[in-house]
Amino acid sequence: MGASMKKNNLDDYEKEIENQSSEYISVTGRKRRRVESIIERSRKTKNINIRISEFDLEKLREKSEEEGIPYQTLIASLLHKYVTNQLVEEKNILKSLKLISKKDFPISSRQ
């Protein structure tokens, strides 16, 4: 670190990142511009108005309180997960677990 650089007080997590910095790969050129473009688009937001039932809104507020985040943040997070195919239905999780358990414990080995 150069003498002119200001020393910051880092928490343990930040120190761990700094200690592992030599393992990171520098991104340059076209790939860097693409990454920066994705980051910039993700920072831009639009305000919208939606109609939602009182019941659903109340349940969203309850869930957001359990999560410790504002309900509008929860809604935005749910919408983001949906449009990026990260929101998974419970029945699909159960189906996957069933398939995994069949692989781990085939019927022929059960008694």
N, C-alpha and C. Protein backbone atom coordinates (compact mmCIF):
# COMPACT_ATOMS: atom_id res chain seq x y z
N MET A 1 0.86 -1.17 0.00
CA MET A 1 0.00 0.00 0.00
C MET A 1 0.90 1.22 0.00
N GLY A 2 0.60 2.20 -0.90
CA GLY A 2 1.41 3.40 -1.01
C GLY A 2 1.24 4.29 0.21
N ALA A 3 2.25 5.13 0.46
CA ALA A 3 2.22 6.02 1.62
C ALA A 3 1.09 7.02 1.53
N SER A 4 0.68 7.40 0.31
CA SER A 4 -0.37 8.40 0.16
C SER A 4 -1.78 7.82 0.29
N MET A 5 -1.91 6.52 0.29
CA MET A 5 -3.24 5.88 0.38
C MET A 5 -3.74 5.89 1.82
N LYS A 6 -4.99 6.17 1.98
CA LYS A 6 -5.60 6.21 3.31
C LYS A 6 -5.87 4.77 3.77
N LYS A 7 -5.52 4.48 4.99
CA LYS A 7 -5.77 3.16 5.56
C LYS A 7 -7.17 3.12 6.14
N ASN A 8 -7.93 2.10 5.78
CA ASN A 8 -9.29 1.95 6.27
C ASN A 8 -9.35 0.86 7.33
N ASN A 9 -10.29 1.01 8.23
CA ASN A 9 -10.53 -0.06 9.20
C ASN A 9 -11.49 -1.05 8.56
N LEU A 10 -11.01 -2.26 8.32
CA LEU A 10 -11.80 -3.29 7.67
C LEU A 10 -12.36 -4.26 8.69
N ASP A 11 -13.59 -4.74 8.42
CA ASP A 11 -14.13 -5.79 9.29
C ASP A 11 -13.54 -7.12 8.83
N ASP A 12 -13.83 -8.19 9.57
CA ASP A 12 -13.24 -9.50 9.28
C ASP A 12 -13.57 -9.98 7.86
N TYR A 13 -14.81 -9.76 7.43
CA TYR A 13 -15.22 -10.19 6.09
C TYR A 13 -14.43 -9.45 5.02
N GLU A 14 -14.27 -8.15 5.19
CA GLU A 14 -13.52 -7.34 4.23
C GLU A 14 -12.05 -7.74 4.21
N LYS A 15 -11.50 -8.05 5.38
CA LYS A 15 -10.11 -8.50 5.45
C LYS A 15 -9.93 -9.82 4.70
N GLU A 16 -10.91 -10.70 4.83
CA GLU A 16 -10.85 -11.99 4.14
C GLU A 16 -10.85 -11.78 2.62
N ILE A 17 -11.71 -10.87 2.14
CA ILE A 17 -11.74 -10.54 0.71
C ILE A 17 -10.40 -9.99 0.26
N GLU A 18 -9.86 -9.07 1.04
CA GLU A 18 -8.57 -8.46 0.70
C GLU A 18 -7.46 -9.52 0.66
N ASN A 19 -7.47 -10.45 1.61
CA ASN A 19 -6.45 -11.49 1.65
C ASN A 19 -6.55 -12.43 0.46
N GLN A 20 -7.74 -12.57 -0.13
CA GLN A 20 -7.94 -13.47 -1.26
C GLN A 20 -7.88 -12.75 -2.61
N SER A 21 -7.56 -11.47 -2.59
CA SER A 21 -7.62 -10.66 -3.81
C SER A 21 -6.70 -11.17 -4.92
N SER A 22 -5.61 -11.83 -4.58
CA SER A 22 -4.70 -12.34 -5.60
C SER A 22 -5.34 -13.47 -6.41
N GLU A 23 -6.41 -14.07 -5.89
CA GLU A 23 -7.09 -15.16 -6.60
C GLU A 23 -8.08 -14.66 -7.64
N TYR A 24 -8.43 -13.37 -7.60
CA TYR A 24 -9.39 -12.82 -8.54
C TYR A 24 -8.74 -12.55 -9.88
N ILE A 25 -9.54 -12.66 -10.94
CA ILE A 25 -9.06 -12.43 -12.29
C ILE A 25 -9.56 -11.07 -12.77
N SER A 26 -8.66 -10.27 -13.30
CA SER A 26 -9.03 -8.95 -13.81
C SER A 26 -9.86 -9.11 -15.08
N VAL A 27 -10.92 -8.30 -15.18
CA VAL A 27 -11.78 -8.32 -16.35
C VAL A 27 -11.55 -7.03 -17.12
N THR A 28 -11.24 -7.15 -18.40
CA THR A 28 -10.95 -5.96 -19.20
C THR A 28 -11.72 -6.00 -20.51
N GLY A 29 -11.67 -4.89 -21.21
CA GLY A 29 -12.22 -4.81 -22.56
C GLY A 29 -13.71 -5.02 -22.65
N ARG A 30 -14.09 -5.77 -23.65
CA ARG A 30 -15.50 -6.02 -23.98
C ARG A 30 -16.26 -6.65 -22.82
N LYS A 31 -15.62 -7.63 -22.17
CA LYS A 31 -16.27 -8.32 -21.06
C LYS A 31 -16.53 -7.34 -19.91
N ARG A 32 -15.57 -6.47 -19.63
CA ARG A 32 -15.73 -5.49 -18.55
C ARG A 32 -16.88 -4.53 -18.86
N ARG A 33 -16.95 -4.06 -20.12
CA ARG A 33 -18.04 -3.16 -20.50
C ARG A 33 -19.38 -3.85 -20.36
N ARG A 34 -19.45 -5.12 -20.69
CA ARG A 34 -20.70 -5.88 -20.56
C ARG A 34 -21.11 -6.00 -19.09
N VAL A 35 -20.16 -6.32 -18.23
CA VAL A 35 -20.43 -6.43 -16.80
C VAL A 35 -20.89 -5.08 -16.24
N GLU A 36 -20.19 -4.01 -16.62
CA GLU A 36 -20.57 -2.68 -16.15
C GLU A 36 -21.97 -2.29 -16.62
N SER A 37 -22.31 -2.68 -17.84
CA SER A 37 -23.65 -2.40 -18.37
C SER A 37 -24.72 -3.13 -17.57
N ILE A 38 -24.47 -4.38 -17.24
CA ILE A 38 -25.41 -5.17 -16.44
C ILE A 38 -25.59 -4.54 -15.07
N ILE A 39 -24.49 -4.14 -14.46
CA ILE A 39 -24.56 -3.51 -13.13
C ILE A 39 -25.35 -2.21 -13.20
N GLU A 40 -25.08 -1.40 -14.22
CA GLU A 40 -25.78 -0.12 -14.37
C GLU A 40 -27.28 -0.32 -14.56
N ARG A 41 -27.66 -1.28 -15.40
CA ARG A 41 -29.10 -1.55 -15.62
C ARG A 41 -29.76 -2.03 -14.34
N SER A 42 -29.03 -2.79 -13.54
CA SER A 42 -29.63 -3.32 -12.31
C SER A 42 -29.85 -2.23 -11.27
N ARG A 43 -29.10 -1.13 -11.39
CA ARG A 43 -29.25 -0.01 -10.44
C ARG A 43 -30.43 0.89 -10.79
N LYS A 44 -30.82 0.90 -12.06
CA LYS A 44 -31.92 1.76 -12.49
C LYS A 44 -33.24 1.15 -12.04
N THR A 45 -34.11 2.00 -11.51
CA THR A 45 -35.42 1.52 -11.08
C THR A 45 -36.51 2.40 -11.67
N LYS A 46 -37.72 1.87 -11.73
CA LYS A 46 -38.90 2.59 -12.17
C LYS A 46 -39.96 2.43 -11.11
N ASN A 47 -40.69 3.49 -10.87
CA ASN A 47 -41.83 3.42 -9.96
C ASN A 47 -43.04 2.93 -10.73
N ILE A 48 -43.81 2.03 -10.12
CA ILE A 48 -45.04 1.55 -10.73
C ILE A 48 -46.15 1.58 -9.70
N ASN A 49 -47.38 1.58 -10.19
CA ASN A 49 -48.55 1.45 -9.32
C ASN A 49 -49.25 0.16 -9.70
N ILE A 50 -49.62 -0.62 -8.69
CA ILE A 50 -50.36 -1.85 -8.95
C ILE A 50 -51.56 -1.93 -8.01
N ARG A 51 -52.56 -2.66 -8.46
CA ARG A 51 -53.71 -2.93 -7.60
C ARG A 51 -53.50 -4.33 -7.01
N ILE A 52 -53.68 -4.43 -5.71
CA ILE A 52 -53.45 -5.70 -5.02
C ILE A 52 -54.51 -5.82 -3.92
N SER A 53 -54.95 -7.03 -3.69
CA SER A 53 -55.99 -7.22 -2.67
C SER A 53 -55.45 -6.85 -1.29
N GLU A 54 -56.34 -6.40 -0.44
CA GLU A 54 -55.94 -6.04 0.93
C GLU A 54 -55.35 -7.25 1.65
N PHE A 55 -55.94 -8.41 1.41
CA PHE A 55 -55.44 -9.64 2.04
C PHE A 55 -54.00 -9.90 1.63
N ASP A 56 -53.71 -9.84 0.30
CA ASP A 56 -52.35 -10.10 -0.18
C ASP A 56 -51.37 -9.06 0.36
N LEU A 57 -51.79 -7.81 0.39
CA LEU A 57 -50.92 -6.76 0.91
C LEU A 57 -50.61 -6.98 2.39
N GLU A 58 -51.61 -7.37 3.15
CA GLU A 58 -51.40 -7.64 4.58
C GLU A 58 -50.43 -8.81 4.76
N LYS A 59 -50.60 -9.86 3.97
CA LYS A 59 -49.70 -11.02 4.05
C LYS A 59 -48.27 -10.63 3.64
N LEU A 60 -48.14 -9.79 2.61
CA LEU A 60 -46.81 -9.32 2.21
C LEU A 60 -46.16 -8.52 3.33
N ARG A 61 -46.94 -7.69 3.98
CA ARG A 61 -46.39 -6.89 5.09
C ARG A 61 -45.96 -7.80 6.24
N GLU A 62 -46.74 -8.84 6.52
CA GLU A 62 -46.36 -9.79 7.58
C GLU A 62 -45.07 -10.50 7.22
N LYS A 63 -44.99 -10.98 5.97
CA LYS A 63 -43.77 -11.69 5.53
C LYS A 63 -42.56 -10.76 5.57
N SER A 64 -42.75 -9.51 5.15
CA SER A 64 -41.62 -8.58 5.15
C SER A 64 -41.15 -8.29 6.57
N GLU A 65 -42.09 -8.23 7.49
CA GLU A 65 -41.71 -8.00 8.89
C GLU A 65 -40.91 -9.20 9.41
N GLU A 66 -41.33 -10.41 9.04
CA GLU A 66 -40.59 -11.61 9.44
C GLU A 66 -39.17 -11.59 8.87
N GLU A 67 -39.04 -11.09 7.63
CA GLU A 67 -37.74 -11.03 6.96
C GLU A 67 -36.91 -9.83 7.42
N GLY A 68 -37.58 -8.85 8.04
CA GLY A 68 -36.88 -7.66 8.50
C GLY A 68 -36.55 -6.68 7.39
N ILE A 69 -37.39 -6.67 6.34
CA ILE A 69 -37.19 -5.74 5.22
C ILE A 69 -38.50 -5.04 4.91
N PRO A 70 -38.45 -3.88 4.27
CA PRO A 70 -39.69 -3.19 3.88
C PRO A 70 -40.49 -4.03 2.88
N TYR A 71 -41.81 -3.92 2.94
CA TYR A 71 -42.64 -4.78 2.08
C TYR A 71 -42.43 -4.46 0.60
N GLN A 72 -42.13 -3.22 0.25
CA GLN A 72 -41.89 -2.89 -1.16
C GLN A 72 -40.60 -3.54 -1.65
N THR A 73 -39.61 -3.66 -0.78
CA THR A 73 -38.37 -4.36 -1.13
C THR A 73 -38.64 -5.84 -1.34
N LEU A 74 -39.49 -6.41 -0.49
CA LEU A 74 -39.87 -7.82 -0.64
C LEU A 74 -40.56 -8.04 -1.98
N ILE A 75 -41.49 -7.17 -2.33
CA ILE A 75 -42.21 -7.30 -3.60
C ILE A 75 -41.23 -7.22 -4.77
N ALA A 76 -40.32 -6.23 -4.73
CA ALA A 76 -39.33 -6.09 -5.80
C ALA A 76 -38.45 -7.33 -5.90
N SER A 77 -38.07 -7.89 -4.75
CA SER A 77 -37.24 -9.09 -4.73
C SER A 77 -37.98 -10.28 -5.34
N LEU A 78 -39.24 -10.43 -4.98
CA LEU A 78 -40.04 -11.53 -5.53
C LEU A 78 -40.20 -11.39 -7.04
N LEU A 79 -40.47 -10.19 -7.50
CA LEU A 79 -40.60 -9.96 -8.94
C LEU A 79 -39.29 -10.26 -9.66
N HIS A 80 -38.17 -9.83 -9.07
CA HIS A 80 -36.86 -10.09 -9.69
C HIS A 80 -36.60 -11.60 -9.76
N LYS A 81 -36.87 -12.30 -8.69
CA LYS A 81 -36.66 -13.75 -8.69
C LYS A 81 -37.55 -14.44 -9.72
N TYR A 82 -38.76 -13.94 -9.89
CA TYR A 82 -39.68 -14.53 -10.87
C TYR A 82 -39.16 -14.33 -12.29
N VAL A 83 -38.79 -13.10 -12.64
CA VAL A 83 -38.38 -12.84 -14.02
C VAL A 83 -37.02 -13.43 -14.36
N THR A 84 -36.20 -13.76 -13.34
CA THR A 84 -34.90 -14.38 -13.58
C THR A 84 -34.93 -15.89 -13.32
N ASN A 85 -36.14 -16.44 -13.24
CA ASN A 85 -36.34 -17.89 -13.03
C ASN A 85 -35.67 -18.42 -11.77
N GLN A 86 -35.61 -17.60 -10.73
CA GLN A 86 -35.05 -18.04 -9.46
C GLN A 86 -36.12 -18.34 -8.43
N LEU A 87 -37.37 -18.05 -8.78
CA LEU A 87 -38.48 -18.31 -7.87
C LEU A 87 -38.99 -19.71 -8.19
N VAL A 88 -38.89 -20.62 -7.23
CA VAL A 88 -39.21 -22.02 -7.46
C VAL A 88 -40.45 -22.40 -6.68
N GLU A 89 -41.34 -23.12 -7.35
CA GLU A 89 -42.56 -23.57 -6.69
C GLU A 89 -42.26 -24.76 -5.78
N GLU A 90 -42.99 -24.82 -4.68
CA GLU A 90 -42.79 -25.88 -3.69
C GLU A 90 -42.95 -27.27 -4.31
N LYS A 91 -43.93 -27.43 -5.21
CA LYS A 91 -44.15 -28.75 -5.81
C LYS A 91 -42.94 -29.21 -6.62
N ASN A 92 -42.23 -28.27 -7.26
CA ASN A 92 -41.03 -28.63 -8.01
C ASN A 92 -39.89 -29.03 -7.09
N ILE A 93 -39.78 -28.39 -5.95
CA ILE A 93 -38.76 -28.76 -4.96
C ILE A 93 -39.04 -30.17 -4.45
N LEU A 94 -40.30 -30.42 -4.10
CA LEU A 94 -40.67 -31.75 -3.59
C LEU A 94 -40.43 -32.83 -4.64
N LYS A 95 -40.74 -32.53 -5.90
CA LYS A 95 -40.50 -33.48 -6.98
C LYS A 95 -39.01 -33.79 -7.11
N SER A 96 -38.17 -32.75 -7.02
CA SER A 96 -36.72 -32.94 -7.11
C SER A 96 -36.21 -33.77 -5.95
N LEU A 97 -36.70 -33.48 -4.74
CA LEU A 97 -36.28 -34.25 -3.57
C LEU A 97 -36.67 -35.72 -3.71
N LYS A 98 -37.84 -35.96 -4.26
CA LYS A 98 -38.30 -37.33 -4.47
C LYS A 98 -37.39 -38.06 -5.45
N LEU A 99 -37.01 -37.38 -6.53
CA LEU A 99 -36.11 -37.98 -7.52
C LEU A 99 -34.74 -38.26 -6.92
N ILE A 100 -34.24 -37.33 -6.11
CA ILE A 100 -32.94 -37.52 -5.48
C ILE A 100 -32.98 -38.70 -4.53
N SER A 101 -34.05 -38.81 -3.74
CA SER A 101 -34.12 -39.91 -2.78
C SER A 101 -34.23 -41.26 -3.49
N LYS A 102 -34.85 -41.29 -4.66
CA LYS A 102 -34.92 -42.55 -5.43
C LYS A 102 -33.55 -42.95 -5.94
N LYS A 103 -32.73 -41.96 -6.33
CA LYS A 103 -31.38 -42.24 -6.79
C LYS A 103 -30.52 -42.77 -5.65
N ASP A 104 -30.68 -42.16 -4.47
CA ASP A 104 -29.86 -42.54 -3.32
C ASP A 104 -30.31 -43.87 -2.72
N PHE A 105 -31.60 -44.16 -2.83
CA PHE A 105 -32.16 -45.37 -2.24
C PHE A 105 -33.04 -46.07 -3.27
N PRO A 106 -32.44 -46.78 -4.23
CA PRO A 106 -33.25 -47.45 -5.26
C PRO A 106 -34.22 -48.46 -4.64
N ILE A 107 -35.32 -48.68 -5.33
CA ILE A 107 -36.37 -49.58 -4.84
C ILE A 107 -35.83 -50.98 -4.61
N SER A 108 -34.93 -51.47 -5.46
CA SER A 108 -34.41 -52.83 -5.33
C SER A 108 -33.64 -53.04 -4.03
N SER A 109 -33.10 -51.98 -3.43
CA SER A 109 -32.34 -52.14 -2.21
C SER A 109 -33.23 -51.96 -0.97
N ARG A 110 -34.49 -51.55 -1.16
CA ARG A 110 -35.40 -51.37 -0.04
C ARG A 110 -36.02 -52.71 0.35
N GLN A 111 -36.31 -52.85 1.62
CA GLN A 111 -36.93 -54.11 2.06
C GLN A 111 -38.23 -53.87 2.72
